[in-house]
Protein backbone atom coordinates (compact mmCIF):
# COMPACT_ATOMS: atom_id res chain seq x y z
CA UNK A 1 -13.46 37.67 57.10
CA UNK A 2 -15.31 34.63 55.76
CA UNK A 3 -17.55 36.90 53.71
CA UNK A 4 -14.51 38.61 52.14
CA UNK A 5 -12.84 35.30 51.21
CA UNK A 6 -16.10 33.98 49.74
CA UNK A 7 -16.47 37.13 47.64
CA UNK A 8 -12.90 36.73 46.34
CA UNK A 9 -13.58 33.09 45.45
CA UNK A 10 -16.72 34.04 43.52
CA UNK A 11 -14.81 36.74 41.63
CA UNK A 12 -12.06 34.30 40.61
CA UNK A 13 -14.59 31.67 39.58
CA UNK A 14 -16.45 34.18 37.40
CA UNK A 15 -13.14 35.24 35.84
CA UNK A 16 -12.30 31.61 34.97
CA UNK A 17 -15.77 31.07 33.51
CA UNK A 18 -15.37 34.29 31.52
CA UNK A 19 -12.02 33.20 30.10
CA UNK A 20 -13.39 29.85 28.97
CA UNK A 21 -16.56 31.44 27.65
CA UNK A 22 -14.61 33.82 25.44
CA UNK A 23 -11.67 31.50 24.56
CA UNK A 24 -10.79 31.78 20.89
CA UNK A 25 -11.56 28.54 19.09
CA UNK A 26 -11.55 27.20 15.54
CA UNK A 27 -14.81 28.19 13.90
CA UNK A 28 -14.12 26.99 10.35
CA UNK A 29 -11.55 24.88 8.44
CA UNK A 30 -11.17 25.51 4.72
CA UNK A 31 -9.16 23.44 2.22
CA UNK A 32 -8.17 25.30 -0.94
CA UNK A 33 -6.50 24.60 -4.32
CA UNK A 34 -7.13 20.84 -4.12
CA UNK A 35 -8.55 19.60 -7.40
CA UNK A 36 -8.05 15.83 -7.24
CA UNK A 37 -7.53 15.10 -3.54
CA UNK A 38 -10.93 15.06 -1.87
CA UNK A 39 -11.61 17.70 0.78
CA UNK A 40 -13.27 15.21 3.21
CA UNK A 41 -10.18 13.00 2.89
CA UNK A 42 -7.82 15.87 3.74
CA UNK A 43 -9.98 16.86 6.71
CA UNK A 44 -10.02 13.24 7.92
CA UNK A 45 -6.21 12.95 8.13
CA UNK A 46 -5.43 16.30 9.78
CA UNK A 47 -5.63 16.61 13.56
CA UNK A 48 -7.13 20.09 13.74
CA UNK A 49 -10.89 20.03 14.28
CA UNK A 50 -13.63 22.66 14.60
CA UNK A 51 -14.16 23.70 18.21
CA UNK A 52 -10.54 23.25 19.25
CA UNK A 53 -8.45 26.11 20.53
CA UNK A 54 -5.85 27.60 18.20
CA UNK A 55 -2.60 25.62 18.50
CA UNK A 56 0.37 26.52 16.29
CA UNK A 57 2.11 23.21 17.00
CA UNK A 58 -0.94 21.33 15.75
CA UNK A 59 -1.00 23.45 12.59
CA UNK A 60 2.69 22.81 11.89
CA UNK A 61 2.27 19.07 12.42
CA UNK A 62 -0.70 19.00 10.05
CA UNK A 63 1.42 20.65 7.35
CA UNK A 64 4.15 18.03 7.80
CA UNK A 65 1.48 15.33 7.62
CA UNK A 66 -0.01 16.76 4.40
CA UNK A 67 3.37 17.09 2.68
CA UNK A 68 3.94 13.37 3.21
CA UNK A 69 0.92 12.60 1.06
CA UNK A 70 1.82 11.40 -2.43
CA UNK A 71 -0.82 13.67 -3.91
CA UNK A 72 0.51 16.85 -2.27
CA UNK A 73 3.77 18.52 -3.32
CA UNK A 74 3.55 21.38 -0.82
CA UNK A 75 1.16 22.68 1.84
CA UNK A 76 0.73 25.76 4.00
CA UNK A 77 -1.79 27.29 6.39
CA UNK A 78 -3.35 30.71 6.99
CA UNK A 79 -5.05 31.98 10.15
CA UNK A 80 -7.96 34.44 9.78
CA UNK A 81 -9.74 36.17 12.68
CA UNK A 82 -13.53 35.82 12.53
CA UNK A 83 -15.22 37.79 15.32
CA UNK A 84 -13.75 36.31 18.49
CA UNK A 85 -12.79 33.00 16.81
CA UNK A 86 -10.60 31.80 13.94
CA UNK A 87 -10.93 30.41 10.42
CA UNK A 88 -8.04 28.18 9.35
CA UNK A 89 -7.21 27.79 5.66
CA UNK A 90 -5.03 24.90 4.50
CA UNK A 91 -3.63 25.48 1.03
CA UNK A 92 -2.19 22.58 -0.97
CA UNK A 93 -0.16 22.33 -4.15
CA UNK A 94 -0.98 19.00 -5.71
CA UNK A 95 1.25 16.45 -7.43
CA UNK A 96 0.38 14.61 -10.60
CA UNK A 97 0.17 11.05 -9.28
CA UNK A 98 -0.39 8.67 -12.23
CA UNK A 99 3.25 7.73 -12.64
CA UNK A 100 4.65 5.42 -15.29
CA UNK A 101 8.18 4.21 -14.65
CA UNK A 102 10.95 2.51 -16.54
CA UNK A 103 14.10 1.05 -15.00
CA UNK A 104 16.82 -0.72 -16.93
CA UNK A 105 20.11 -2.35 -15.99
CA UNK A 106 22.59 -4.98 -17.19
CA UNK A 107 22.27 -8.63 -16.16
CA UNK A 108 25.11 -11.04 -15.36
CA UNK A 109 24.93 -12.20 -18.99
CA UNK A 110 25.43 -8.60 -20.21
CA UNK A 111 21.86 -8.46 -21.45
CA UNK A 112 19.69 -5.43 -20.85
CA UNK A 113 16.94 -5.97 -18.28
CA UNK A 114 14.08 -3.55 -17.66
CA UNK A 115 10.95 -2.99 -15.61
CA UNK A 116 7.87 -1.15 -16.90
CA UNK A 117 5.05 -0.11 -14.64
CA UNK A 118 2.46 2.45 -13.73
CA UNK A 119 1.15 3.47 -10.31
CA UNK A 120 -1.70 5.75 -9.34
CA UNK A 121 -0.65 7.06 -5.92
CA UNK A 122 -3.87 8.95 -5.22
CA UNK A 123 -6.66 6.69 -6.45
CA UNK A 124 -10.16 8.14 -5.88
CA UNK A 125 -8.44 11.23 -4.41
CA UNK A 126 -8.09 9.33 -1.11
CA UNK A 127 -4.38 8.45 -0.96
CA UNK A 128 -4.82 4.88 -2.22
CA UNK A 129 -1.86 3.59 -4.27
CA UNK A 130 -2.56 1.02 -7.01
CA UNK A 131 0.31 -0.19 -9.18
CA UNK A 132 1.13 -2.83 -11.79
CA UNK A 133 4.44 -3.75 -13.39
CA UNK A 134 6.05 -5.95 -16.03
CA UNK A 135 9.72 -6.91 -15.82
CA UNK A 136 11.99 -8.46 -18.42
CA UNK A 137 15.15 -9.79 -16.75
CA UNK A 138 15.94 -12.57 -19.23
CA UNK A 139 12.60 -14.02 -18.04
CA UNK A 140 9.15 -12.41 -17.62
CA UNK A 141 7.81 -11.09 -14.30
CA UNK A 142 4.70 -9.14 -13.31
CA UNK A 143 2.84 -7.94 -10.26
CA UNK A 144 0.03 -5.94 -8.64
CA UNK A 145 0.27 -3.80 -5.51
CA UNK A 146 -2.51 -1.99 -3.58
CA UNK A 147 -1.81 0.16 -0.53
CA UNK A 148 -4.54 2.07 1.32
CA UNK A 149 -3.03 3.43 4.57
CA UNK A 150 -6.23 5.23 5.65
CA UNK A 151 -8.87 2.91 4.24
CA UNK A 152 -10.54 2.34 7.61
CA UNK A 153 -9.82 5.67 9.33
CA UNK A 154 -6.93 8.10 9.91
CA UNK A 155 -5.02 5.45 11.87
CA UNK A 156 -5.78 2.13 10.15
CA UNK A 157 -5.37 0.82 6.62
CA UNK A 158 -4.75 -2.30 4.51
CA UNK A 159 -2.33 -3.46 1.82
CA UNK A 160 -2.25 -6.28 -0.74
CA UNK A 161 0.38 -7.52 -3.19
CA UNK A 162 0.51 -10.35 -5.74
CA UNK A 163 3.51 -10.97 -7.95
CA UNK A 164 5.44 -13.52 -9.97
CA UNK A 165 9.16 -12.74 -10.18
CA UNK A 166 11.46 -14.74 -12.47
CA UNK A 167 15.14 -13.92 -12.84
CA UNK A 168 18.50 -15.54 -13.46
CA UNK A 169 20.33 -15.60 -10.13
CA UNK A 170 23.92 -16.51 -9.27
CA UNK A 171 24.41 -19.04 -6.47
CA UNK A 172 27.80 -19.10 -4.71
CA UNK A 173 29.43 -22.16 -3.12
CA UNK A 174 33.02 -23.45 -2.65
CA UNK A 175 34.37 -20.31 -4.37
CA UNK A 176 32.41 -21.25 -7.46
CA UNK A 177 29.32 -19.82 -9.16
CA UNK A 178 26.27 -21.44 -10.74
CA UNK A 179 23.44 -19.73 -12.60
CA UNK A 180 19.86 -20.64 -11.68
CA UNK A 181 16.46 -19.68 -13.02
CA UNK A 182 14.68 -18.34 -9.95
CA UNK A 183 10.89 -17.93 -9.66
CA UNK A 184 8.92 -16.53 -6.72
CA UNK A 185 5.11 -16.45 -6.77
CA UNK A 186 3.72 -14.65 -3.72
CA UNK A 187 0.53 -13.23 -2.21
CA UNK A 188 0.79 -10.75 0.67
CA UNK A 189 -1.80 -8.98 2.84
CA UNK A 190 -1.02 -6.43 5.53
CA UNK A 191 -2.53 -4.20 8.21
CA UNK A 192 -1.19 -0.64 8.48
CA UNK A 193 -1.35 1.44 11.65
CA UNK A 194 -0.41 5.12 12.06
CA UNK A 195 0.35 5.47 15.76
CA UNK A 196 1.10 9.21 15.59
CA UNK A 197 2.58 11.79 13.24
CA UNK A 198 6.07 10.26 13.37
CA UNK A 199 5.35 6.64 14.22
CA UNK A 200 3.77 3.90 12.13
CA UNK A 201 3.67 0.10 12.17
CA UNK A 202 2.76 -2.61 9.70
CA UNK A 203 2.08 -6.33 10.04
CA UNK A 204 1.94 -8.48 6.92
CA UNK A 205 1.50 -12.18 6.14
CA UNK A 206 2.63 -13.78 2.91
CA UNK A 207 2.46 -17.17 1.27
CA UNK A 208 4.84 -17.89 -1.59
CA UNK A 209 6.58 -20.58 -3.60
CA UNK A 210 10.25 -20.42 -4.61
CA UNK A 211 11.67 -22.43 -7.51
CA UNK A 212 15.35 -22.85 -8.43
CA UNK A 213 16.27 -24.56 -11.72
CA UNK A 214 19.91 -25.04 -12.67
CA UNK A 215 21.03 -23.34 -15.92
CA UNK A 216 24.82 -23.36 -16.09
CA UNK A 217 28.08 -23.15 -14.15
CA UNK A 218 29.50 -25.15 -11.26
CA UNK A 219 27.66 -28.10 -9.72
CA UNK A 220 27.89 -29.93 -6.42
CA UNK A 221 26.22 -33.00 -4.97
CA UNK A 222 25.48 -30.88 -1.89
CA UNK A 223 23.60 -28.23 -3.92
CA UNK A 224 20.37 -29.34 -5.66
CA UNK A 225 19.93 -28.48 -9.32
CA UNK A 226 16.16 -28.25 -9.08
CA UNK A 227 14.24 -27.08 -6.05
CA UNK A 228 10.65 -26.06 -5.32
CA UNK A 229 9.76 -24.91 -1.81
CA UNK A 230 6.54 -23.53 -0.33
CA UNK A 231 7.07 -20.86 2.30
CA UNK A 232 5.15 -18.68 4.73
CA UNK A 233 6.33 -15.25 5.84
CA UNK A 234 5.33 -13.03 8.77
CA UNK A 235 6.62 -9.47 8.72
CA UNK A 236 6.68 -6.57 11.17
CA UNK A 237 7.68 -3.03 10.13
CA UNK A 238 8.13 -0.12 12.51
CA UNK A 239 9.04 3.35 11.29
CA UNK A 240 9.98 6.54 13.06
CA UNK A 241 9.85 9.43 10.59
CA UNK A 242 11.11 12.79 11.84
CA UNK A 243 11.98 14.12 8.37
CA UNK A 244 10.52 17.42 7.19
CA UNK A 245 10.65 18.09 3.46
CA UNK A 246 10.52 21.11 1.20
CA UNK A 247 10.21 19.73 -2.32
CA UNK A 248 13.53 17.90 -2.99
CA UNK A 249 15.18 19.11 0.22
CA UNK A 250 14.98 17.08 3.43
CA UNK A 251 15.91 17.70 7.05
CA UNK A 252 15.77 15.26 9.95
CA UNK A 253 16.13 11.64 11.03
CA UNK A 254 14.23 8.48 10.07
CA UNK A 255 14.51 4.87 11.26
CA UNK A 256 12.89 1.93 9.47
CA UNK A 257 12.96 -1.49 11.17
CA UNK A 258 11.94 -4.62 9.25
CA UNK A 259 11.66 -8.02 10.97
CA UNK A 260 10.68 -11.18 9.07
CA UNK A 261 10.26 -14.84 9.90
CA UNK A 262 10.18 -17.25 6.96
CA UNK A 263 8.88 -20.77 7.51
CA UNK A 264 10.03 -23.29 4.89
CA UNK A 265 8.71 -26.71 3.92
CA UNK A 266 12.13 -27.98 2.77
CA UNK A 267 15.39 -28.23 4.72
CA UNK A 268 17.34 -27.35 1.54
CA UNK A 269 15.97 -23.82 2.02
CA UNK A 270 15.56 -23.84 5.81
CA UNK A 271 13.34 -21.56 7.88
CA UNK A 272 15.06 -18.41 9.02
CA UNK A 273 14.66 -15.05 10.73
CA UNK A 274 15.94 -11.86 9.15
CA UNK A 275 15.93 -8.28 10.38
CA UNK A 276 17.17 -5.01 8.94
CA UNK A 277 17.22 -1.43 10.18
CA UNK A 278 17.77 1.59 7.95
CA UNK A 279 18.90 4.73 9.78
CA UNK A 280 18.57 7.78 7.54
CA UNK A 281 19.72 11.31 8.31
CA UNK A 282 19.33 14.46 6.20
CA UNK A 283 20.82 17.91 6.79
CA UNK A 284 20.27 21.07 4.78
CA UNK A 285 23.46 22.90 3.76
CA UNK A 286 22.93 26.45 2.62
CA UNK A 287 20.08 27.27 0.25
CA UNK A 288 20.61 24.49 -2.31
CA UNK A 289 22.64 21.79 -0.59
CA UNK A 290 21.53 18.59 1.14
CA UNK A 291 23.68 16.03 2.94
CA UNK A 292 22.01 12.59 2.90
CA UNK A 293 23.09 9.48 4.83
CA UNK A 294 21.82 5.93 5.20
CA UNK A 295 23.23 3.28 7.53
CA UNK A 296 21.78 -0.17 6.88
CA UNK A 297 22.41 -2.95 9.40
CA UNK A 298 20.96 -6.41 8.83
CA UNK A 299 21.31 -9.94 10.19
CA UNK A 300 19.69 -13.26 9.37
CA UNK A 301 19.91 -16.80 10.70
CA UNK A 302 23.49 -17.80 9.92
CA UNK A 303 22.91 -20.90 7.76
CA UNK A 304 25.75 -22.15 5.57
CA UNK A 305 23.61 -21.92 2.44
CA UNK A 306 24.41 -20.70 -1.09
CA UNK A 307 20.98 -19.03 -1.06
CA UNK A 308 21.88 -16.45 1.62
CA UNK A 309 19.40 -13.50 1.79
CA UNK A 310 21.69 -10.41 1.76
CA UNK A 311 22.97 -9.56 -1.72
CA UNK A 312 25.75 -7.23 -2.85
CA UNK A 313 24.00 -5.43 -5.68
CA UNK A 314 24.06 -2.24 -7.80
CA UNK A 315 20.41 -1.48 -7.30
CA UNK A 316 20.28 -2.15 -3.55
CA UNK A 317 23.36 -0.93 -1.75
CA UNK A 318 26.65 -0.30 -3.65
CA UNK A 319 26.48 1.73 -6.86
CA UNK A 320 28.86 0.38 -9.52
CA UNK A 321 29.51 -3.01 -7.88
CA UNK A 322 27.49 -5.09 -10.38
CA UNK A 323 24.31 -7.16 -10.39
CA UNK A 324 24.16 -9.56 -7.38
CA UNK A 325 27.89 -10.31 -7.20
CA UNK A 326 27.85 -11.93 -3.74
CA UNK A 327 25.61 -13.02 -0.88
CA UNK A 328 25.83 -13.11 2.91
CA UNK A 329 23.90 -13.68 6.14
CA UNK A 330 24.58 -10.21 7.55
CA UNK A 331 25.43 -6.80 6.13
CA UNK A 332 26.55 -3.35 7.23
CA UNK A 333 26.26 -0.67 4.54
CA UNK A 334 26.81 3.08 4.69
CA UNK A 335 25.67 5.37 1.87
CA UNK A 336 26.54 9.05 2.16
CA UNK A 337 26.18 11.76 -0.47
CA UNK A 338 26.05 15.49 -0.94
CA UNK A 339 23.25 16.72 -3.23
CA UNK A 340 23.33 20.17 -4.80
CA UNK A 341 20.61 21.75 -6.93
CA UNK A 342 22.36 23.51 -9.81
CA UNK A 343 19.02 24.53 -11.35
CA UNK A 344 15.95 24.99 -9.15
CA UNK A 345 12.99 26.41 -11.08
CA UNK A 346 9.24 26.43 -10.45
CA UNK A 347 8.79 22.86 -11.72
CA UNK A 348 12.23 21.56 -12.72
CA UNK A 349 15.39 20.75 -10.75
CA UNK A 350 18.79 19.65 -12.01
CA UNK A 351 20.64 18.17 -9.07
CA UNK A 352 24.16 16.80 -8.89
CA UNK A 353 25.57 14.50 -6.24
CA UNK A 354 28.88 13.13 -5.03
CA UNK A 355 28.68 9.91 -3.02
CA UNK A 356 30.55 7.16 -1.23
CA UNK A 357 28.93 3.73 -0.85
CA UNK A 358 30.70 1.32 1.50
CA UNK A 359 29.69 -2.05 2.87
CA UNK A 360 30.80 -5.37 4.29
CA UNK A 361 29.14 -8.78 4.61
CA UNK A 362 29.26 -11.91 6.77
CA UNK A 363 29.79 -15.08 4.75
CA UNK A 364 27.09 -17.80 4.99
CA UNK A 365 27.86 -19.80 8.14
CA UNK A 366 30.72 -17.41 8.90
CA UNK A 367 31.80 -15.35 11.90
CA UNK A 368 31.45 -11.69 12.85
CA UNK A 369 35.15 -11.32 12.02
CA UNK A 370 34.11 -11.69 8.35
CA UNK A 371 33.11 -8.01 8.45
CA UNK A 372 36.79 -7.12 8.67
CA UNK A 373 38.01 -9.40 5.87
CA UNK A 374 39.28 -7.43 2.87
CA UNK A 375 37.47 -9.65 0.33
CA UNK A 376 34.14 -8.78 1.97
CA UNK A 377 34.63 -5.00 2.04
CA UNK A 378 33.52 -2.78 -0.85
CA UNK A 379 34.08 0.97 -1.10
CA UNK A 380 32.71 2.80 -4.15
CA UNK A 381 32.87 6.60 -4.51
CA UNK A 382 31.11 8.22 -7.43
CA UNK A 383 29.10 11.07 -8.89
CA UNK A 384 25.63 11.39 -10.34
CA UNK A 385 22.85 13.56 -11.72
CA UNK A 386 19.17 13.93 -10.84
CA UNK A 387 16.47 15.30 -13.16
CA UNK A 388 13.51 16.22 -10.94
CA UNK A 389 9.96 17.31 -11.79
CA UNK A 390 8.55 19.12 -8.74
CA UNK A 391 4.89 18.69 -9.73
CA UNK A 392 4.88 14.97 -10.46
CA UNK A 393 5.17 12.65 -7.47
CA UNK A 394 8.56 10.93 -7.12
CA UNK A 395 9.61 11.87 -10.64
CA UNK A 396 13.34 11.78 -10.08
CA UNK A 397 15.37 10.26 -12.89
CA UNK A 398 18.81 9.38 -11.54
CA UNK A 399 22.11 8.44 -13.13
CA UNK A 400 25.05 7.41 -10.93
CA UNK A 401 28.54 6.21 -11.79
CA UNK A 402 30.48 4.36 -9.10
CA UNK A 403 34.14 3.32 -9.13
CA UNK A 404 35.48 0.74 -6.68
CA UNK A 405 38.68 1.47 -4.75
CA UNK A 406 38.94 -1.88 -2.93
CA UNK A 407 40.69 -4.99 -4.37
CA UNK A 408 39.12 -6.66 -7.44
CA UNK A 409 36.71 -3.73 -7.81
CA UNK A 410 34.55 -2.90 -10.81
CA UNK A 411 32.88 0.28 -12.02
CA UNK A 412 29.67 1.16 -13.78
CA UNK A 413 26.50 3.19 -14.23
CA UNK A 414 23.31 2.75 -12.24
CA UNK A 415 20.01 4.17 -13.53
CA UNK A 416 16.71 4.42 -11.71
CA UNK A 417 13.60 6.34 -10.70
CA UNK A 418 13.56 8.09 -7.32
CA UNK A 419 16.45 8.94 -5.06
CA UNK A 420 18.76 6.01 -4.29
CA UNK A 421 17.76 6.39 -0.64
């Protein structure tokens, strides 16, 4: 009896050894059609490695990962049998990634403001973004930004930003408005960490100086006319990205959390904490439709200050509302729109959209009941057009026209590069 059981055990053991000995593994990984993006770089950011067993889930995740690269418009894989093993081919369709951009809008003084810049999103063919810009918003501004998410390895990277921003900003107090020349000179360095395919985190530290100089409008003994404050900022960003894209179409859910602590050297602009979370959801409708939604919820320290951090603005949250028409210490904003591709060719897309932007704010030093006050609620439906180049990264020229339906509403055009959200 013992002899029979031992013989059975040996047979099973040999069968297991045989299965593992002849398991079908990855013998070769080939990257094709990449001209600018370096092959070693692509191989370093995918999870599939030579010697692993064939795993379709791993292949699909690698394709999602590659399509999120600025230098890659589309990606696919092929599986080829080689003897008892496999050769995997990743094919990529590359984007043109040296992107100039030009945004323009109207200031509070009805002057035309604009920003000119250029960014190389795939420097050295290794996914490093380097950008510079010049802005004319009554005053001159300029900046430099470098972002290398995989500079160290596939999970760790670094970022750096230096900029000097000067604008004319409205300051609100006692139901009155004053115009200030605002200048912010900042230097920021960050550490980037890719935890997994759908999860990433970022920690950044910044030192900056803010200057406010009175120009015109109302005055108050409680509000200084000239102010210069040195500040220090610590920032934490956490993102869950479950969105899968096919060119201009998106499907899935994304959450982006941003927490900041700002330490100030002057009580006139006191230290504060601010956090914001953007919840974004996309759903494909038919062959050419896309429903896009963004819910933005944000709160800051509730100081009764005319320099509150959350702005009601054309370019940030409510299309058609105007340029920085109000400020608050908390905000809830919902943007929802239906996008439809009327023309969808090999390289060009003409997309139309119908949207509703709605939001409400808490007044500086106010209560949560401020969210329900009619003067704090804005609702702006509208329509727009998108001109999209499918082979140039983020080349989406947008035009939107929003019309307010709440009391004392305005209306107007908003122009920009890239989708509004």
